[in-house]
Amino acid sequence: LGVLEVWLYEDGELTVHRLVDDRYEVRDRSEVLPALDLKELASFVDADALQSAQVCAYVDKLRAG
């Protein structure tokens, strides 16, 4: 499909895969959102929690700085 950047969540970690030529390469950071802390964001992913509560907790963390 030519998606330039794909994020995968697996085993508690987010990984960024960037399309280069005709294949995907793992990157340390998103080129779309380079200032985003992927480890911090991944810490708010919890399959057993309510998604809306997790989003609110993440937004609160971002606002707190």
PDB file of N, CA and C in Angstrom:
ATOM      1  N   LEU A   1       0.802  -1.209   0.000  1.00  0.00           N
ATOM      2  CA  LEU A   1       0.000   0.000   0.000  1.00  0.00           C
ATOM      3  C   LEU A   1       0.841   1.266   0.000  1.00  0.00           C
ATOM      4  N   GLY A   2       2.117   1.150   0.286  1.00  0.00           N
ATOM      5  CA  GLY A   2       2.996   2.315   0.266  1.00  0.00           C
ATOM      6  C   GLY A   2       2.901   3.199   1.492  1.00  0.00           C
ATOM      7  N   VAL A   3       2.459   2.651   2.620  1.00  0.00           N
ATOM      8  CA  VAL A   3       2.390   3.418   3.865  1.00  0.00           C
ATOM      9  C   VAL A   3       3.821   3.752   4.285  1.00  0.00           C
ATOM     10  N   LEU A   4       4.112   5.043   4.480  1.00  0.00           N
ATOM     11  CA  LEU A   4       5.490   5.460   4.749  1.00  0.00           C
ATOM     12  C   LEU A   4       6.008   5.041   6.110  1.00  0.00           C
ATOM     13  N   GLU A   5       5.116   4.962   7.096  1.00  0.00           N
ATOM     14  CA  GLU A   5       5.570   4.614   8.440  1.00  0.00           C
ATOM     15  C   GLU A   5       4.519   3.745   9.113  1.00  0.00           C
ATOM     16  N   VAL A   6       4.970   2.638   9.688  1.00  0.00           N
ATOM     17  CA  VAL A   6       4.087   1.707  10.384  1.00  0.00           C
ATOM     18  C   VAL A   6       4.629   1.515  11.789  1.00  0.00           C
ATOM     19  N   TRP A   7       3.743   1.579  12.765  1.00  0.00           N
ATOM     20  CA  TRP A   7       4.133   1.338  14.155  1.00  0.00           C
ATOM     21  C   TRP A   7       3.571  -0.003  14.579  1.00  0.00           C
ATOM     22  N   LEU A   8       4.395  -0.779  15.250  1.00  0.00           N
ATOM     23  CA  LEU A   8       3.958  -2.072  15.769  1.00  0.00           C
ATOM     24  C   LEU A   8       4.148  -2.108  17.272  1.00  0.00           C
ATOM     25  N   TYR A   9       3.170  -2.648  17.972  1.00  0.00           N
ATOM     26  CA  TYR A   9       3.258  -2.836  19.420  1.00  0.00           C
ATOM     27  C   TYR A   9       3.358  -4.324  19.679  1.00  0.00           C
ATOM     28  N   GLU A  10       4.457  -4.721  20.314  1.00  0.00           N
ATOM     29  CA  GLU A  10       4.685  -6.138  20.579  1.00  0.00           C
ATOM     30  C   GLU A  10       5.542  -6.279  21.826  1.00  0.00           C
ATOM     31  N   ASP A  11       5.124  -7.150  22.721  1.00  0.00           N
ATOM     32  CA  ASP A  11       5.866  -7.415  23.952  1.00  0.00           C
ATOM     33  C   ASP A  11       6.166  -6.143  24.737  1.00  0.00           C
ATOM     34  N   GLY A  12       5.197  -5.238  24.783  1.00  0.00           N
ATOM     35  CA  GLY A  12       5.339  -4.035  25.585  1.00  0.00           C
ATOM     36  C   GLY A  12       6.145  -2.915  24.953  1.00  0.00           C
ATOM     37  N   GLU A  13       6.511  -3.056  23.694  1.00  0.00           N
ATOM     38  CA  GLU A  13       7.314  -2.036  23.030  1.00  0.00           C
ATOM     39  C   GLU A  13       6.687  -1.610  21.705  1.00  0.00           C
ATOM     40  N   LEU A  14       6.859  -0.322  21.392  1.00  0.00           N
ATOM     41  CA  LEU A  14       6.463   0.205  20.090  1.00  0.00           C
ATOM     42  C   LEU A  14       7.694   0.275  19.205  1.00  0.00           C
ATOM     43  N   THR A  15       7.565  -0.224  17.998  1.00  0.00           N
ATOM     44  CA  THR A  15       8.661  -0.089  17.040  1.00  0.00           C
ATOM     45  C   THR A  15       8.142   0.618  15.804  1.00  0.00           C
ATOM     46  N   VAL A  16       9.008   1.432  15.226  1.00  0.00           N
ATOM     47  CA  VAL A  16       8.674   2.199  14.036  1.00  0.00           C
ATOM     48  C   VAL A  16       9.357   1.549  12.841  1.00  0.00           C
ATOM     49  N   HIS A  17       8.586   1.337  11.792  1.00  0.00           N
ATOM     50  CA  HIS A  17       9.111   0.768  10.546  1.00  0.00           C
ATOM     51  C   HIS A  17       8.863   1.785   9.443  1.00  0.00           C
ATOM     52  N   ARG A  18       9.934   2.206   8.800  1.00  0.00           N
ATOM     53  CA  ARG A  18       9.855   3.247   7.766  1.00  0.00           C
ATOM     54  C   ARG A  18      10.072   2.618   6.395  1.00  0.00           C
ATOM     55  N   LEU A  19       9.226   2.979   5.445  1.00  0.00           N
ATOM     56  CA  LEU A  19       9.353   2.468   4.087  1.00  0.00           C
ATOM     57  C   LEU A  19      10.522   3.152   3.397  1.00  0.00           C
ATOM     58  N   VAL A  20      11.488   2.356   2.976  1.00  0.00           N
ATOM     59  CA  VAL A  20      12.659   2.847   2.250  1.00  0.00           C
ATOM     60  C   VAL A  20      12.751   2.027   0.973  1.00  0.00           C
ATOM     61  N   ASP A  21      12.655   2.721  -0.148  1.00  0.00           N
ATOM     62  CA  ASP A  21      12.573   2.048  -1.446  1.00  0.00           C
ATOM     63  C   ASP A  21      11.375   1.104  -1.433  1.00  0.00           C
ATOM     64  N   ASP A  22      11.600  -0.198  -1.407  1.00  0.00           N
ATOM     65  CA  ASP A  22      10.479  -1.139  -1.450  1.00  0.00           C
ATOM     66  C   ASP A  22      10.412  -2.044  -0.224  1.00  0.00           C
ATOM     67  N   ARG A  23      11.074  -1.648   0.873  1.00  0.00           N
ATOM     68  CA  ARG A  23      11.026  -2.480   2.083  1.00  0.00           C
ATOM     69  C   ARG A  23      10.992  -1.595   3.324  1.00  0.00           C
ATOM     70  N   TYR A  24      10.632  -2.185   4.438  1.00  0.00           N
ATOM     71  CA  TYR A  24      10.541  -1.453   5.692  1.00  0.00           C
ATOM     72  C   TYR A  24      11.794  -1.664   6.522  1.00  0.00           C
ATOM     73  N   GLU A  25      12.262  -0.575   7.129  1.00  0.00           N
ATOM     74  CA  GLU A  25      13.421  -0.616   8.013  1.00  0.00           C
ATOM     75  C   GLU A  25      12.994  -0.128   9.394  1.00  0.00           C
ATOM     76  N   VAL A  26      13.493  -0.777  10.436  1.00  0.00           N
ATOM     77  CA  VAL A  26      13.198  -0.369  11.805  1.00  0.00           C
ATOM     78  C   VAL A  26      13.965   0.916  12.104  1.00  0.00           C
ATOM     79  N   ARG A  27      13.284   1.853  12.719  1.00  0.00           N
ATOM     80  CA  ARG A  27      13.877   3.140  13.097  1.00  0.00           C
ATOM     81  C   ARG A  27      13.726   3.345  14.593  1.00  0.00           C
ATOM     82  N   ASP A  28      14.624   4.137  15.171  1.00  0.00           N
ATOM     83  CA  ASP A  28      14.569   4.442  16.606  1.00  0.00           C
ATOM     84  C   ASP A  28      13.437   5.412  16.933  1.00  0.00           C
ATOM     85  N   ARG A  29      13.111   6.270  15.980  1.00  0.00           N
ATOM     86  CA  ARG A  29      12.111   7.318  16.184  1.00  0.00           C
ATOM     87  C   ARG A  29      11.206   7.415  14.967  1.00  0.00           C
ATOM     88  N   SER A  30      10.066   7.981  15.225  1.00  0.00           N
ATOM     89  CA  SER A  30       9.144   8.278  14.135  1.00  0.00           C
ATOM     90  C   SER A  30       9.651   9.496  13.376  1.00  0.00           C
ATOM     91  N   GLU A  31       9.593   9.454  12.073  1.00  0.00           N
ATOM     92  CA  GLU A  31       9.929  10.637  11.278  1.00  0.00           C
ATOM     93  C   GLU A  31       8.721  11.558  11.184  1.00  0.00           C
ATOM     94  N   VAL A  32       7.542  11.014  11.410  1.00  0.00           N
ATOM     95  CA  VAL A  32       6.310  11.806  11.382  1.00  0.00           C
ATOM     96  C   VAL A  32       6.165  12.597  12.683  1.00  0.00           C
ATOM     97  N   LEU A  33       6.481  11.961  13.810  1.00  0.00           N
ATOM     98  CA  LEU A  33       6.410  12.585  15.135  1.00  0.00           C
ATOM     99  C   LEU A  33       7.744  12.378  15.851  1.00  0.00           C
ATOM    100  N   PRO A  34       8.786  13.067  15.433  1.00  0.00           N
ATOM    101  CA  PRO A  34      10.130  12.793  15.953  1.00  0.00           C
ATOM    102  C   PRO A  34      10.330  13.077  17.446  1.00  0.00           C
ATOM    103  N   ALA A  35       9.521  13.950  18.025  1.00  0.00           N
ATOM    104  CA  ALA A  35       9.686  14.267  19.447  1.00  0.00           C
ATOM    105  C   ALA A  35       8.924  13.309  20.357  1.00  0.00           C
ATOM    106  N   LEU A  36       8.145  12.410  19.787  1.00  0.00           N
ATOM    107  CA  LEU A  36       7.343  11.480  20.574  1.00  0.00           C
ATOM    108  C   LEU A  36       8.226  10.445  21.258  1.00  0.00           C
ATOM    109  N   ASP A  37       8.035  10.304  22.558  1.00  0.00           N
ATOM    110  CA  ASP A  37       8.769   9.303  23.333  1.00  0.00           C
ATOM    111  C   ASP A  37       7.998   7.981  23.238  1.00  0.00           C
ATOM    112  N   LEU A  38       8.485   7.079  22.417  1.00  0.00           N
ATOM    113  CA  LEU A  38       7.782   5.815  22.167  1.00  0.00           C
ATOM    114  C   LEU A  38       7.712   4.927  23.400  1.00  0.00           C
ATOM    115  N   LYS A  39       8.753   4.936  24.225  1.00  0.00           N
ATOM    116  CA  LYS A  39       8.741   4.119  25.445  1.00  0.00           C
ATOM    117  C   LYS A  39       7.674   4.628  26.408  1.00  0.00           C
ATOM    118  N   GLU A  40       7.590   5.949  26.535  1.00  0.00           N
ATOM    119  CA  GLU A  40       6.575   6.518  27.421  1.00  0.00           C
ATOM    120  C   GLU A  40       5.174   6.180  26.919  1.00  0.00           C
ATOM    121  N   LEU A  41       4.948   6.359  25.621  1.00  0.00           N
ATOM    122  CA  LEU A  41       3.645   6.038  25.054  1.00  0.00           C
ATOM    123  C   LEU A  41       3.306   4.562  25.260  1.00  0.00           C
ATOM    124  N   ALA A  42       4.261   3.693  25.045  1.00  0.00           N
ATOM    125  CA  ALA A  42       4.031   2.251  25.209  1.00  0.00           C
ATOM    126  C   ALA A  42       3.661   1.905  26.647  1.00  0.00           C
ATOM    127  N   SER A  43       4.140   2.680  27.598  1.00  0.00           N
ATOM    128  CA  SER A  43       3.832   2.393  29.000  1.00  0.00           C
ATOM    129  C   SER A  43       2.354   2.621  29.323  1.00  0.00           C
ATOM    130  N   PHE A  44       1.629   3.301  28.442  1.00  0.00           N
ATOM    131  CA  PHE A  44       0.206   3.540  28.647  1.00  0.00           C
ATOM    132  C   PHE A  44      -0.672   2.535  27.912  1.00  0.00           C
ATOM    133  N   VAL A  45      -0.076   1.584  27.235  1.00  0.00           N
ATOM    134  CA  VAL A  45      -0.842   0.550  26.541  1.00  0.00           C
ATOM    135  C   VAL A  45      -1.090  -0.591  27.528  1.00  0.00           C
ATOM    136  N   ASP A  46      -2.355  -0.863  27.758  1.00  0.00           N
ATOM    137  CA  ASP A  46      -2.743  -1.929  28.681  1.00  0.00           C
ATOM    138  C   ASP A  46      -4.031  -2.552  28.144  1.00  0.00           C
ATOM    139  N   ALA A  47      -3.934  -3.766  27.662  1.00  0.00           N
ATOM    140  CA  ALA A  47      -5.081  -4.432  27.043  1.00  0.00           C
ATOM    141  C   ALA A  47      -6.221  -4.654  28.028  1.00  0.00           C
ATOM    142  N   ASP A  48      -5.928  -4.681  29.323  1.00  0.00           N
ATOM    143  CA  ASP A  48      -6.955  -4.940  30.326  1.00  0.00           C
ATOM    144  C   ASP A  48      -7.623  -3.660  30.831  1.00  0.00           C
ATOM    145  N   ALA A  49      -7.106  -2.499  30.460  1.00  0.00           N
ATOM    146  CA  ALA A  49      -7.650  -1.229  30.935  1.00  0.00           C
ATOM    147  C   ALA A  49      -8.593  -0.627  29.898  1.00  0.00           C
ATOM    148  N   LEU A  50      -9.439   0.273  30.360  1.00  0.00           N
ATOM    149  CA  LEU A  50     -10.309   0.990  29.444  1.00  0.00           C
ATOM    150  C   LEU A  50      -9.471   1.931  28.593  1.00  0.00           C
ATOM    151  N   GLN A  51      -9.688   1.895  27.295  1.00  0.00           N
ATOM    152  CA  GLN A  51      -8.910   2.717  26.381  1.00  0.00           C
ATOM    153  C   GLN A  51      -9.057   4.200  26.715  1.00  0.00           C
ATOM    154  N   SER A  52     -10.260   4.647  27.018  1.00  0.00           N
ATOM    155  CA  SER A  52     -10.473   6.065  27.312  1.00  0.00           C
ATOM    156  C   SER A  52      -9.705   6.492  28.557  1.00  0.00           C
ATOM    157  N   ALA A  53      -9.615   5.625  29.558  1.00  0.00           N
ATOM    158  CA  ALA A  53      -8.859   5.941  30.775  1.00  0.00           C
ATOM    159  C   ALA A  53      -7.369   6.039  30.466  1.00  0.00           C
ATOM    160  N   GLN A  54      -6.864   5.175  29.609  1.00  0.00           N
ATOM    161  CA  GLN A  54      -5.459   5.216  29.230  1.00  0.00           C
ATOM    162  C   GLN A  54      -5.137   6.490  28.447  1.00  0.00           C
ATOM    163  N   VAL A  55      -6.036   6.877  27.541  1.00  0.00           N
ATOM    164  CA  VAL A  55      -5.836   8.107  26.768  1.00  0.00           C
ATOM    165  C   VAL A  55      -5.817   9.306  27.714  1.00  0.00           C
ATOM    166  N   CYS A  56      -6.749   9.362  28.650  1.00  0.00           N
ATOM    167  CA  CYS A  56      -6.790  10.475  29.610  1.00  0.00           C
ATOM    168  C   CYS A  56      -5.524  10.516  30.459  1.00  0.00           C
ATOM    169  N   ALA A  57      -5.041   9.372  30.895  1.00  0.00           N
ATOM    170  CA  ALA A  57      -3.820   9.325  31.697  1.00  0.00           C
ATOM    171  C   ALA A  57      -2.618   9.813  30.895  1.00  0.00           C
ATOM    172  N   TYR A  58      -2.550   9.446  29.625  1.00  0.00           N
ATOM    173  CA  TYR A  58      -1.441   9.884  28.764  1.00  0.00           C
ATOM    174  C   TYR A  58      -1.516  11.397  28.521  1.00  0.00           C
ATOM    175  N   VAL A  59      -2.702  11.900  28.269  1.00  0.00           N
ATOM    176  CA  VAL A  59      -2.873  13.344  28.062  1.00  0.00           C
ATOM    177  C   VAL A  59      -2.478  14.099  29.333  1.00  0.00           C
ATOM    178  N   ASP A  60      -2.875  13.591  30.497  1.00  0.00           N
ATOM    179  CA  ASP A  60      -2.481  14.227  31.751  1.00  0.00           C
ATOM    180  C   ASP A  60      -0.971  14.256  31.914  1.00  0.00           C
ATOM    181  N   LYS A  61      -0.318  13.163  31.550  1.00  0.00           N
ATOM    182  CA  LYS A  61       1.158  13.087  31.631  1.00  0.00           C
ATOM    183  C   LYS A  61       1.789  14.120  30.699  1.00  0.00           C
ATOM    184  N   LEU A  62       1.274  14.243  29.484  1.00  0.00           N
ATOM    185  CA  LEU A  62       1.807  15.215  28.538  1.00  0.00           C
ATOM    186  C   LEU A  62       1.614  16.642  29.032  1.00  0.00           C
ATOM    187  N   ARG A  63       0.474  16.927  29.604  1.00  0.00           N
ATOM    188  CA  ARG A  63       0.200  18.275  30.121  1.00  0.00           C
ATOM    189  C   ARG A  63       1.085  18.617  31.316  1.00  0.00           C
ATOM    190  N   ALA A  64       1.409  17.607  32.119  1.00  0.00           N
ATOM    191  CA  ALA A  64       2.243  17.825  33.299  1.00  0.00           C
ATOM    192  C   ALA A  64       3.692  18.094  32.923  1.00  0.00           C
ATOM    193  N   GLY A  65       4.038  17.673  31.711  1.00  0.00           N
ATOM    194  CA  GLY A  65       5.399  17.910  31.226  1.00  0.00           C
ATOM    195  C   GLY A  65       6.298  16.863  31.640  1.00  0.00           C
TER     196      GLY A  65
END
